[in-house]
PDB file of all heavy atoms in Angstrom:
ATOM      1  N   PHE A   1      -4.984 -15.684  -7.206  1.00  0.00           N
ATOM      2  CA  PHE A   1      -4.113 -14.522  -7.670  1.00  0.00           C
ATOM      3  C   PHE A   1      -4.377 -13.302  -7.136  1.00  0.00           C
ATOM      4  O   PHE A   1      -3.409 -12.599  -6.439  1.00  0.00           O
ATOM      5  CB  PHE A   1      -4.237 -14.551  -9.213  1.00  0.00           C
ATOM      6  CG  PHE A   1      -3.517 -13.458  -9.870  1.00  0.00           C
ATOM      7  CD1 PHE A   1      -2.032 -13.431  -9.811  1.00  0.00           C
ATOM      8  CD2 PHE A   1      -4.110 -12.332 -10.471  1.00  0.00           C
ATOM      9  CE1 PHE A   1      -1.339 -12.389 -10.363  1.00  0.00           C
ATOM     10  CE2 PHE A   1      -3.346 -11.266 -11.013  1.00  0.00           C
ATOM     11  CZ  PHE A   1      -2.029 -11.347 -10.987  1.00  0.00           C
ATOM     12  N   THR A   2      -5.542 -12.709  -7.108  1.00  0.00           N
ATOM     13  CA  THR A   2      -5.759 -11.385  -6.534  1.00  0.00           C
ATOM     14  C   THR A   2      -5.814 -11.504  -4.970  1.00  0.00           C
ATOM     15  O   THR A   2      -5.486 -10.478  -4.342  1.00  0.00           O
ATOM     16  CB  THR A   2      -7.152 -10.827  -7.021  1.00  0.00           C
ATOM     17  OG1 THR A   2      -8.221 -11.934  -6.937  1.00  0.00           O
ATOM     18  CG2 THR A   2      -7.079 -10.462  -8.535  1.00  0.00           C
ATOM     19  N   GLY A   3      -6.343 -12.485  -4.458  1.00  0.00           N
ATOM     20  CA  GLY A   3      -6.395 -12.522  -2.938  1.00  0.00           C
ATOM     21  C   GLY A   3      -4.953 -12.516  -2.327  1.00  0.00           C
ATOM     22  O   GLY A   3      -4.730 -11.727  -1.321  1.00  0.00           O
ATOM     23  N   THR A   4      -3.942 -13.078  -2.980  1.00  0.00           N
ATOM     24  CA  THR A   4      -2.535 -12.990  -2.588  1.00  0.00           C
ATOM     25  C   THR A   4      -2.046 -11.612  -2.589  1.00  0.00           C
ATOM     26  O   THR A   4      -1.444 -11.179  -1.615  1.00  0.00           O
ATOM     27  CB  THR A   4      -1.676 -13.988  -3.271  1.00  0.00           C
ATOM     28  OG1 THR A   4      -2.105 -15.372  -3.180  1.00  0.00           O
ATOM     29  CG2 THR A   4      -0.337 -13.869  -2.827  1.00  0.00           C
ATOM     30  N   VAL A   5      -2.431 -10.873  -3.609  1.00  0.00           N
ATOM     31  CA  VAL A   5      -1.878  -9.515  -3.810  1.00  0.00           C
ATOM     32  C   VAL A   5      -2.525  -8.653  -2.703  1.00  0.00           C
ATOM     33  O   VAL A   5      -1.914  -7.752  -2.118  1.00  0.00           O
ATOM     34  CB  VAL A   5      -2.216  -9.001  -5.222  1.00  0.00           C
ATOM     35  CG1 VAL A   5      -1.891  -7.482  -5.286  1.00  0.00           C
ATOM     36  CG2 VAL A   5      -1.360  -9.832  -6.253  1.00  0.00           C
ATOM     37  N   VAL A   6      -3.898  -8.880  -2.406  1.00  0.00           N
ATOM     38  CA  VAL A   6      -4.477  -7.995  -1.469  1.00  0.00           C
ATOM     39  C   VAL A   6      -3.945  -8.118  -0.119  1.00  0.00           C
ATOM     40  O   VAL A   6      -3.687  -7.243   0.635  1.00  0.00           O
ATOM     41  CB  VAL A   6      -6.033  -8.393  -1.437  1.00  0.00           C
ATOM     42  CG1 VAL A   6      -6.723  -7.761  -0.273  1.00  0.00           C
ATOM     43  CG2 VAL A   6      -6.763  -7.839  -2.739  1.00  0.00           C
ATOM     44  N   ARG A   7      -3.774  -9.489   0.201  1.00  0.00           N
ATOM     45  CA  ARG A   7      -3.151  -9.776   1.489  1.00  0.00           C
ATOM     46  C   ARG A   7      -1.824  -9.212   1.692  1.00  0.00           C
ATOM     47  O   ARG A   7      -1.390  -8.544   2.796  1.00  0.00           O
ATOM     48  CB  ARG A   7      -3.184 -11.157   1.916  1.00  0.00           C
ATOM     49  CG  ARG A   7      -4.514 -11.902   2.142  1.00  0.00           C
ATOM     50  CD  ARG A   7      -4.471 -13.284   2.653  1.00  0.00           C
ATOM     51  NE  ARG A   7      -3.723 -14.204   1.506  1.00  0.00           N
ATOM     52  CZ  ARG A   7      -4.229 -14.707   0.693  1.00  0.00           C
ATOM     53  NH1 ARG A   7      -5.698 -14.623   0.522  1.00  0.00           N
ATOM     54  NH2 ARG A   7      -3.688 -15.607  -0.278  1.00  0.00           N
ATOM     55  N   ASN A   8      -1.025  -9.312   0.693  1.00  0.00           N
ATOM     56  CA  ASN A   8       0.474  -8.755   0.718  1.00  0.00           C
ATOM     57  C   ASN A   8       0.414  -7.156   0.899  1.00  0.00           C
ATOM     58  O   ASN A   8       1.137  -6.648   1.672  1.00  0.00           O
ATOM     59  CB  ASN A   8       1.127  -9.149  -0.561  1.00  0.00           C
ATOM     60  CG  ASN A   8       1.458 -10.584  -0.542  1.00  0.00           C
ATOM     61  OD1 ASN A   8       1.389 -11.241   0.423  1.00  0.00           O
ATOM     62  ND2 ASN A   8       1.820 -11.063  -1.711  1.00  0.00           N
ATOM     63  N   HIS A   9      -0.432  -6.514   0.099  1.00  0.00           N
ATOM     64  CA  HIS A   9      -0.572  -5.162   0.270  1.00  0.00           C
ATOM     65  C   HIS A   9      -1.003  -4.694   1.577  1.00  0.00           C
ATOM     66  O   HIS A   9      -0.541  -3.692   2.262  1.00  0.00           O
ATOM     67  CB  HIS A   9      -1.433  -4.565  -0.827  1.00  0.00           C
ATOM     68  CG  HIS A   9      -0.720  -4.272  -2.083  1.00  0.00           C
ATOM     69  ND1 HIS A   9      -0.261  -5.274  -2.828  1.00  0.00           N
ATOM     70  CD2 HIS A   9      -0.556  -3.105  -2.801  1.00  0.00           C
ATOM     71  CE1 HIS A   9       0.301  -4.687  -3.918  1.00  0.00           C
ATOM     72  NE2 HIS A   9       0.043  -3.408  -4.023  1.00  0.00           N
ATOM     73  N   ARG A  10      -2.043  -5.232   2.106  1.00  0.00           N
ATOM     74  CA  ARG A  10      -2.627  -4.861   3.413  1.00  0.00           C
ATOM     75  C   ARG A  10      -1.579  -5.134   4.506  1.00  0.00           C
ATOM     76  O   ARG A  10      -1.509  -4.320   5.536  1.00  0.00           O
ATOM     77  CB  ARG A  10      -3.919  -5.654   3.585  1.00  0.00           C
ATOM     78  CG  ARG A  10      -4.748  -5.056   4.807  1.00  0.00           C
ATOM     79  CD  ARG A  10      -6.202  -5.307   4.729  1.00  0.00           C
ATOM     80  NE  ARG A  10      -7.089  -4.348   5.246  1.00  0.00           N
ATOM     81  CZ  ARG A  10      -8.429  -4.264   5.157  1.00  0.00           C
ATOM     82  NH1 ARG A  10      -8.939  -5.132   4.499  1.00  0.00           N
ATOM     83  NH2 ARG A  10      -9.002  -3.327   5.643  1.00  0.00           N
ATOM     84  N   GLU A  11      -0.895  -6.253   4.449  1.00  0.00           N
ATOM     85  CA  GLU A  11       0.109  -6.572   5.538  1.00  0.00           C
ATOM     86  C   GLU A  11       1.169  -5.555   5.435  1.00  0.00           C
ATOM     87  O   GLU A  11       1.663  -5.129   6.631  1.00  0.00           O
ATOM     88  CB  GLU A  11       0.521  -7.984   5.213  1.00  0.00           C
ATOM     89  CG  GLU A  11      -0.393  -9.087   5.707  1.00  0.00           C
ATOM     90  CD  GLU A  11       0.105 -10.487   5.218  1.00  0.00           C
ATOM     91  OE1 GLU A  11       1.203 -10.558   4.681  1.00  0.00           O
ATOM     92  OE2 GLU A  11      -0.685 -11.475   5.312  1.00  0.00           O
ATOM     93  N   ALA A  12       1.588  -5.183   4.204  1.00  0.00           N
ATOM     94  CA  ALA A  12       2.644  -4.075   4.138  1.00  0.00           C
ATOM     95  C   ALA A  12       2.243  -2.773   4.743  1.00  0.00           C
ATOM     96  O   ALA A  12       2.942  -2.117   5.405  1.00  0.00           O
ATOM     97  CB  ALA A  12       3.089  -3.963   2.659  1.00  0.00           C
ATOM     98  N   TYR A  13       0.838  -2.536   4.497  1.00  0.00           N
ATOM     99  CA  TYR A  13       0.459  -1.228   5.015  1.00  0.00           C
ATOM    100  C   TYR A  13       0.304  -1.266   6.519  1.00  0.00           C
ATOM    101  O   TYR A  13       0.783  -0.261   7.192  1.00  0.00           O
ATOM    102  CB  TYR A  13      -1.038  -0.977   4.498  1.00  0.00           C
ATOM    103  CG  TYR A  13      -1.718   0.303   4.878  1.00  0.00           C
ATOM    104  CD1 TYR A  13      -1.643   1.437   4.059  1.00  0.00           C
ATOM    105  CD2 TYR A  13      -2.333   0.506   6.180  1.00  0.00           C
ATOM    106  CE1 TYR A  13      -2.066   2.612   4.395  1.00  0.00           C
ATOM    107  CE2 TYR A  13      -2.772   1.698   6.579  1.00  0.00           C
ATOM    108  CZ  TYR A  13      -2.840   2.707   5.632  1.00  0.00           C
ATOM    109  OH  TYR A  13      -3.338   3.882   5.954  1.00  0.00           O
ATOM    110  N   GLN A  14      -0.098  -2.362   7.045  1.00  0.00           N
ATOM    111  CA  GLN A  14      -0.262  -2.402   8.517  1.00  0.00           C
ATOM    112  C   GLN A  14       1.027  -2.512   9.175  1.00  0.00           C
ATOM    113  O   GLN A  14       1.238  -2.090  10.256  1.00  0.00           O
ATOM    114  CB  GLN A  14      -1.135  -3.665   8.943  1.00  0.00           C
ATOM    115  CG  GLN A  14      -2.606  -3.328   8.527  1.00  0.00           C
ATOM    116  CD  GLN A  14      -3.494  -4.645   8.557  1.00  0.00           C
ATOM    117  OE1 GLN A  14      -2.956  -5.770   8.518  1.00  0.00           O
ATOM    118  NE2 GLN A  14      -4.763  -4.430   8.576  1.00  0.00           N
ATOM    119  N   ARG A  15       2.079  -3.166   8.536  1.00  0.00           N
ATOM    120  CA  ARG A  15       3.377  -3.410   9.037  1.00  0.00           C
ATOM    121  C   ARG A  15       4.173  -1.961   9.187  1.00  0.00           C
ATOM    122  O   ARG A  15       4.840  -1.717  10.106  1.00  0.00           O
ATOM    123  CB  ARG A  15       4.175  -4.372   8.332  1.00  0.00           C
ATOM    124  CG  ARG A  15       5.605  -4.665   8.943  1.00  0.00           C
ATOM    125  CD  ARG A  15       6.189  -5.916   7.995  1.00  0.00           C
ATOM    126  NE  ARG A  15       6.413  -5.528   6.661  1.00  0.00           N
ATOM    127  CZ  ARG A  15       5.814  -6.092   5.624  1.00  0.00           C
ATOM    128  NH1 ARG A  15       4.813  -7.149   5.946  1.00  0.00           N
ATOM    129  NH2 ARG A  15       5.991  -5.851   4.338  1.00  0.00           N
ATOM    130  N   LYS A  16       4.056  -1.264   8.105  1.00  0.00           N
ATOM    131  CA  LYS A  16       4.852  -0.004   7.996  1.00  0.00           C
ATOM    132  C   LYS A  16       4.115   1.244   8.519  1.00  0.00           C
ATOM    133  O   LYS A  16       4.719   2.363   8.604  1.00  0.00           O
ATOM    134  CB  LYS A  16       5.366   0.184   6.579  1.00  0.00           C
ATOM    135  CG  LYS A  16       6.258  -0.846   6.097  1.00  0.00           C
ATOM    136  CD  LYS A  16       6.664  -0.548   4.673  1.00  0.00           C
ATOM    137  CE  LYS A  16       7.598  -1.664   4.115  1.00  0.00           C
ATOM    138  NZ  LYS A  16       8.148  -1.309   2.762  1.00  0.00           N
ATOM    139  N   ARG A  17       2.811   1.087   8.811  1.00  0.00           N
ATOM    140  CA  ARG A  17       2.039   2.176   9.208  1.00  0.00           C
ATOM    141  C   ARG A  17       1.874   3.193   7.961  1.00  0.00           C
ATOM    142  O   ARG A  17       2.686   3.293   7.065  1.00  0.00           O
ATOM    143  CB  ARG A  17       2.570   2.922  10.385  1.00  0.00           C
ATOM    144  CG  ARG A  17       2.797   2.023  11.650  1.00  0.00           C
ATOM    145  CD  ARG A  17       1.520   1.499  12.145  1.00  0.00           C
ATOM    146  NE  ARG A  17       1.665   0.693  13.314  1.00  0.00           N
ATOM    147  CZ  ARG A  17       0.615   0.041  13.930  1.00  0.00           C
ATOM    148  NH1 ARG A  17      -0.461   0.170  13.560  1.00  0.00           N
ATOM    149  NH2 ARG A  17       0.983  -0.724  15.016  1.00  0.00           N
ATOM    150  N   ARG A  18       0.768   3.918   8.101  1.00  0.00           N
ATOM    151  CA  ARG A  18       0.457   4.779   7.049  1.00  0.00           C
ATOM    152  C   ARG A  18       1.535   5.769   6.611  1.00  0.00           C
ATOM    153  O   ARG A  18       1.778   6.042   5.481  1.00  0.00           O
ATOM    154  CB  ARG A  18      -0.835   5.514   7.272  1.00  0.00           C
ATOM    155  CG  ARG A  18      -1.242   6.424   6.090  1.00  0.00           C
ATOM    156  CD  ARG A  18      -2.556   7.076   6.453  1.00  0.00           C
ATOM    157  NE  ARG A  18      -3.741   6.319   6.819  1.00  0.00           N
ATOM    158  CZ  ARG A  18      -4.938   6.573   6.967  1.00  0.00           C
ATOM    159  NH1 ARG A  18      -5.197   7.885   6.892  1.00  0.00           N
ATOM    160  NH2 ARG A  18      -5.911   5.761   7.264  1.00  0.00           N
ATOM    161  N   GLU A  19       2.078   6.443   7.662  1.00  0.00           N
ATOM    162  CA  GLU A  19       3.093   7.489   7.472  1.00  0.00           C
ATOM    163  C   GLU A  19       4.336   6.973   6.718  1.00  0.00           C
ATOM    164  O   GLU A  19       5.000   7.850   6.006  1.00  0.00           O
ATOM    165  CB  GLU A  19       3.485   8.188   8.612  1.00  0.00           C
ATOM    166  CG  GLU A  19       4.182   7.262   9.655  1.00  0.00           C
ATOM    167  CD  GLU A  19       3.261   6.511  10.707  1.00  0.00           C
ATOM    168  OE1 GLU A  19       2.074   6.576  10.335  1.00  0.00           O
ATOM    169  OE2 GLU A  19       3.698   6.054  11.640  1.00  0.00           O
ATOM    170  N   GLU A  20       4.616   5.663   6.832  1.00  0.00           N
ATOM    171  CA  GLU A  20       5.790   5.109   5.959  1.00  0.00           C
ATOM    172  C   GLU A  20       5.290   4.513   4.637  1.00  0.00           C
ATOM    173  O   GLU A  20       5.954   4.475   3.713  1.00  0.00           O
ATOM    174  CB  GLU A  20       6.391   4.118   6.821  1.00  0.00           C
ATOM    175  CG  GLU A  20       6.983   4.590   8.129  1.00  0.00           C
ATOM    176  CD  GLU A  20       7.634   3.618   8.970  1.00  0.00           C
ATOM    177  OE1 GLU A  20       7.842   2.492   8.478  1.00  0.00           O
ATOM    178  OE2 GLU A  20       7.753   3.675  10.181  1.00  0.00           O
ATOM    179  N   TYR A  21       3.981   4.079   4.694  1.00  0.00           N
ATOM    180  CA  TYR A  21       3.546   3.262   3.492  1.00  0.00           C
ATOM    181  C   TYR A  21       3.126   4.243   2.304  1.00  0.00           C
ATOM    182  O   TYR A  21       3.284   4.039   1.236  1.00  0.00           O
ATOM    183  CB  TYR A  21       2.468   2.492   3.847  1.00  0.00           C
ATOM    184  CG  TYR A  21       1.825   1.631   2.812  1.00  0.00           C
ATOM    185  CD1 TYR A  21       2.507   0.601   2.261  1.00  0.00           C
ATOM    186  CD2 TYR A  21       0.469   1.893   2.276  1.00  0.00           C
ATOM    187  CE1 TYR A  21       2.020  -0.239   1.252  1.00  0.00           C
ATOM    188  CE2 TYR A  21      -0.013   1.036   1.294  1.00  0.00           C
ATOM    189  CZ  TYR A  21       0.767  -0.079   0.788  1.00  0.00           C
ATOM    190  OH  TYR A  21       0.221  -0.858  -0.131  1.00  0.00           O
ATOM    191  N   VAL A  22       2.448   5.346   2.689  1.00  0.00           N
ATOM    192  CA  VAL A  22       1.990   6.303   1.836  1.00  0.00           C
ATOM    193  C   VAL A  22       3.036   7.409   1.561  1.00  0.00           C
ATOM    194  O   VAL A  22       3.493   8.103   2.546  1.00  0.00           O
ATOM    195  CB  VAL A  22       0.640   7.007   2.274  1.00  0.00           C
ATOM    196  CG1 VAL A  22       0.157   7.962   1.153  1.00  0.00           C
ATOM    197  CG2 VAL A  22      -0.317   5.912   2.534  1.00  0.00           C
ATOM    198  N   ASP A  23       3.478   7.660   0.347  1.00  0.00           N
ATOM    199  CA  ASP A  23       4.482   8.649  -0.046  1.00  0.00           C
ATOM    200  C   ASP A  23       3.863  10.065   0.054  1.00  0.00           C
ATOM    201  O   ASP A  23       2.758  10.241  -0.424  1.00  0.00           O
ATOM    202  CB  ASP A  23       4.874   8.392  -1.569  1.00  0.00           C
ATOM    203  CG  ASP A  23       6.207   9.130  -1.882  1.00  0.00           C
ATOM    204  OD1 ASP A  23       6.237  10.299  -1.540  1.00  0.00           O
ATOM    205  OD2 ASP A  23       7.040   8.440  -2.473  1.00  0.00           O
ATOM    206  N   LYS A  24       4.530  10.851   0.709  1.00  0.00           N
ATOM    207  CA  LYS A  24       3.949  12.260   0.971  1.00  0.00           C
ATOM    208  C   LYS A  24       3.935  13.044  -0.232  1.00  0.00           C
ATOM    209  O   LYS A  24       3.150  14.006  -0.381  1.00  0.00           O
ATOM    210  CB  LYS A  24       4.931  13.026   2.074  1.00  0.00           C
ATOM    211  CG  LYS A  24       4.917  12.278   3.410  1.00  0.00           C
ATOM    212  CD  LYS A  24       3.566  12.191   4.064  1.00  0.00           C
ATOM    213  CE  LYS A  24       3.528  11.800   5.381  1.00  0.00           C
ATOM    214  NZ  LYS A  24       4.095  10.547   5.639  1.00  0.00           N
ATOM    215  N   ASP A  25       4.655  12.559  -1.290  1.00  0.00           N
ATOM    216  CA  ASP A  25       4.700  13.320  -2.597  1.00  0.00           C
ATOM    217  C   ASP A  25       3.506  12.844  -3.354  1.00  0.00           C
ATOM    218  O   ASP A  25       3.304  11.738  -3.699  1.00  0.00           O
ATOM    219  CB  ASP A  25       5.837  12.943  -3.393  1.00  0.00           C
ATOM    220  CG  ASP A  25       6.007  13.567  -4.796  1.00  0.00           C
ATOM    221  OD1 ASP A  25       5.033  14.350  -5.021  1.00  0.00           O
ATOM    222  OD2 ASP A  25       7.001  13.428  -5.407  1.00  0.00           O
ATOM    223  N   GLN A  26       2.583  13.960  -3.452  1.00  0.00           N
ATOM    224  CA  GLN A  26       1.143  13.522  -4.004  1.00  0.00           C
ATOM    225  C   GLN A  26       1.277  13.155  -5.473  1.00  0.00           C
ATOM    226  O   GLN A  26       0.294  12.792  -6.057  1.00  0.00           O
ATOM    227  CB  GLN A  26       0.241  14.812  -3.698  1.00  0.00           C
ATOM    228  CG  GLN A  26      -0.126  14.920  -2.385  1.00  0.00           C
ATOM    229  CD  GLN A  26      -0.945  13.704  -1.659  1.00  0.00           C
ATOM    230  OE1 GLN A  26      -1.868  13.223  -2.270  1.00  0.00           O
ATOM    231  NE2 GLN A  26      -0.250  13.164  -0.716  1.00  0.00           N
ATOM    232  N   SER A  27       2.448  13.541  -6.125  1.00  0.00           N
ATOM    233  CA  SER A  27       2.622  13.146  -7.508  1.00  0.00           C
ATOM    234  C   SER A  27       2.954  11.722  -7.780  1.00  0.00           C
ATOM    235  O   SER A  27       2.899  11.197  -8.845  1.00  0.00           O
ATOM    236  CB  SER A  27       3.624  14.041  -8.180  1.00  0.00           C
ATOM    237  OG  SER A  27       4.925  13.696  -7.652  1.00  0.00           O
ATOM    238  N   THR A  28       3.269  11.000  -6.646  1.00  0.00           N
ATOM    239  CA  THR A  28       3.657   9.692  -6.717  1.00  0.00           C
ATOM    240  C   THR A  28       2.366   8.816  -7.035  1.00  0.00           C
ATOM    241  O   THR A  28       1.346   8.963  -6.410  1.00  0.00           O
ATOM    242  CB  THR A  28       4.196   9.084  -5.400  1.00  0.00           C
ATOM    243  OG1 THR A  28       5.355   9.794  -5.108  1.00  0.00           O
ATOM    244  CG2 THR A  28       4.555   7.578  -5.499  1.00  0.00           C
ATOM    245  N   ARG A  29       2.528   7.929  -7.986  1.00  0.00           N
ATOM    246  CA  ARG A  29       1.424   7.190  -8.436  1.00  0.00           C
ATOM    247  C   ARG A  29       0.944   6.043  -7.444  1.00  0.00           C
ATOM    248  O   ARG A  29       1.805   5.336  -6.920  1.00  0.00           O
ATOM    249  CB  ARG A  29       1.698   6.407  -9.786  1.00  0.00           C
ATOM    250  CG  ARG A  29       0.553   5.664 -10.458  1.00  0.00           C
ATOM    251  CD  ARG A  29       0.924   4.974 -11.713  1.00  0.00           C
ATOM    252  NE  ARG A  29       1.856   4.009 -11.709  1.00  0.00           N
ATOM    253  CZ  ARG A  29       3.084   4.106 -12.267  1.00  0.00           C
ATOM    254  NH1 ARG A  29       3.452   5.188 -12.840  1.00  0.00           N
ATOM    255  NH2 ARG A  29       3.842   3.068 -12.125  1.00  0.00           N
ATOM    256  N   LYS A  30      -0.328   6.076  -7.172  1.00  0.00           N
ATOM    257  CA  LYS A  30      -0.875   5.005  -6.266  1.00  0.00           C
ATOM    258  C   LYS A  30      -1.800   4.238  -6.981  1.00  0.00           C
ATOM    259  O   LYS A  30      -2.606   4.637  -7.819  1.00  0.00           O
ATOM    260  CB  LYS A  30      -1.550   5.703  -5.025  1.00  0.00           C
ATOM    261  CG  LYS A  30      -0.705   6.568  -4.148  1.00  0.00           C
ATOM    262  CD  LYS A  30      -1.652   7.287  -3.213  1.00  0.00           C
ATOM    263  CE  LYS A  30      -0.923   8.477  -2.486  1.00  0.00           C
ATOM    264  NZ  LYS A  30      -1.961   9.222  -1.742  1.00  0.00           N
ATOM    265  N   ASN A  31      -1.706   2.873  -6.842  1.00  0.00           N
ATOM    266  CA  ASN A  31      -2.631   2.001  -7.664  1.00  0.00           C
ATOM    267  C   ASN A  31      -4.011   2.011  -6.978  1.00  0.00           C
ATOM    268  O   ASN A  31      -4.188   2.431  -5.788  1.00  0.00           O
ATOM    269  CB  ASN A  31      -2.015   0.654  -7.755  1.00  0.00           C
ATOM    270  CG  ASN A  31      -1.763  -0.053  -6.456  1.00  0.00           C
ATOM    271  OD1 ASN A  31      -2.667  -0.420  -5.703  1.00  0.00           O
ATOM    272  ND2 ASN A  31      -0.509  -0.243  -6.128  1.00  0.00           N
ATOM    273  N   PHE A  32      -4.972   1.315  -7.517  1.00  0.00           N
ATOM    274  CA  PHE A  32      -6.370   1.394  -7.162  1.00  0.00           C
ATOM    275  C   PHE A  32      -6.467   0.665  -5.663  1.00  0.00           C
ATOM    276  O   PHE A  32      -7.099   1.161  -4.862  1.00  0.00           O
ATOM    277  CB  PHE A  32      -7.257   0.530  -8.226  1.00  0.00           C
ATOM    278  CG  PHE A  32      -8.587   0.282  -7.876  1.00  0.00           C
ATOM    279  CD1 PHE A  32      -9.520   1.405  -7.742  1.00  0.00           C
ATOM    280  CD2 PHE A  32      -9.044  -0.973  -7.633  1.00  0.00           C
ATOM    281  CE1 PHE A  32     -10.756   1.151  -7.535  1.00  0.00           C
ATOM    282  CE2 PHE A  32     -10.429  -1.095  -7.427  1.00  0.00           C
ATOM    283  CZ  PHE A  32     -11.284  -0.081  -7.266  1.00  0.00           C
ATOM    284  N   LEU A  33      -5.686  -0.414  -5.650  1.00  0.00           N
ATOM    285  CA  LEU A  33      -5.690  -1.222  -4.276  1.00  0.00           C
ATOM    286  C   LEU A  33      -5.179  -0.371  -3.132  1.00  0.00           C
ATOM    287  O   LEU A  33      -5.710  -0.462  -2.058  1.00  0.00           O
ATOM    288  CB  LEU A  33      -5.061  -2.654  -4.527  1.00  0.00           C
ATOM    289  CG  LEU A  33      -4.891  -3.522  -3.208  1.00  0.00           C
ATOM    290  CD1 LEU A  33      -6.349  -3.785  -2.660  1.00  0.00           C
ATOM    291  CD2 LEU A  33      -4.237  -4.733  -3.664  1.00  0.00           C
ATOM    292  N   GLN A  34      -4.068   0.198  -3.339  1.00  0.00           N
ATOM    293  CA  GLN A  34      -3.472   1.098  -2.432  1.00  0.00           C
ATOM    294  C   GLN A  34      -4.459   2.143  -1.887  1.00  0.00           C
ATOM    295  O   GLN A  34      -4.595   2.357  -0.704  1.00  0.00           O
ATOM    296  CB  GLN A  34      -2.268   1.876  -2.806  1.00  0.00           C
ATOM    297  CG  GLN A  34      -0.951   0.954  -2.902  1.00  0.00           C
ATOM    298  CD  GLN A  34       0.115   1.819  -3.529  1.00  0.00           C
ATOM    299  OE1 GLN A  34       0.089   2.316  -4.574  1.00  0.00           O
ATOM    300  NE2 GLN A  34       1.293   1.732  -2.848  1.00  0.00           N
TER     301      GLN A  34
END
């Protein structure tokens, strides 16, 4: 269960690159894994 979520998040991060994956608005909630 958790392994699938980790892989999906990491793939999304690497696919979109940090500047697209991380919201520039610092008020946007980021989860622990992000």
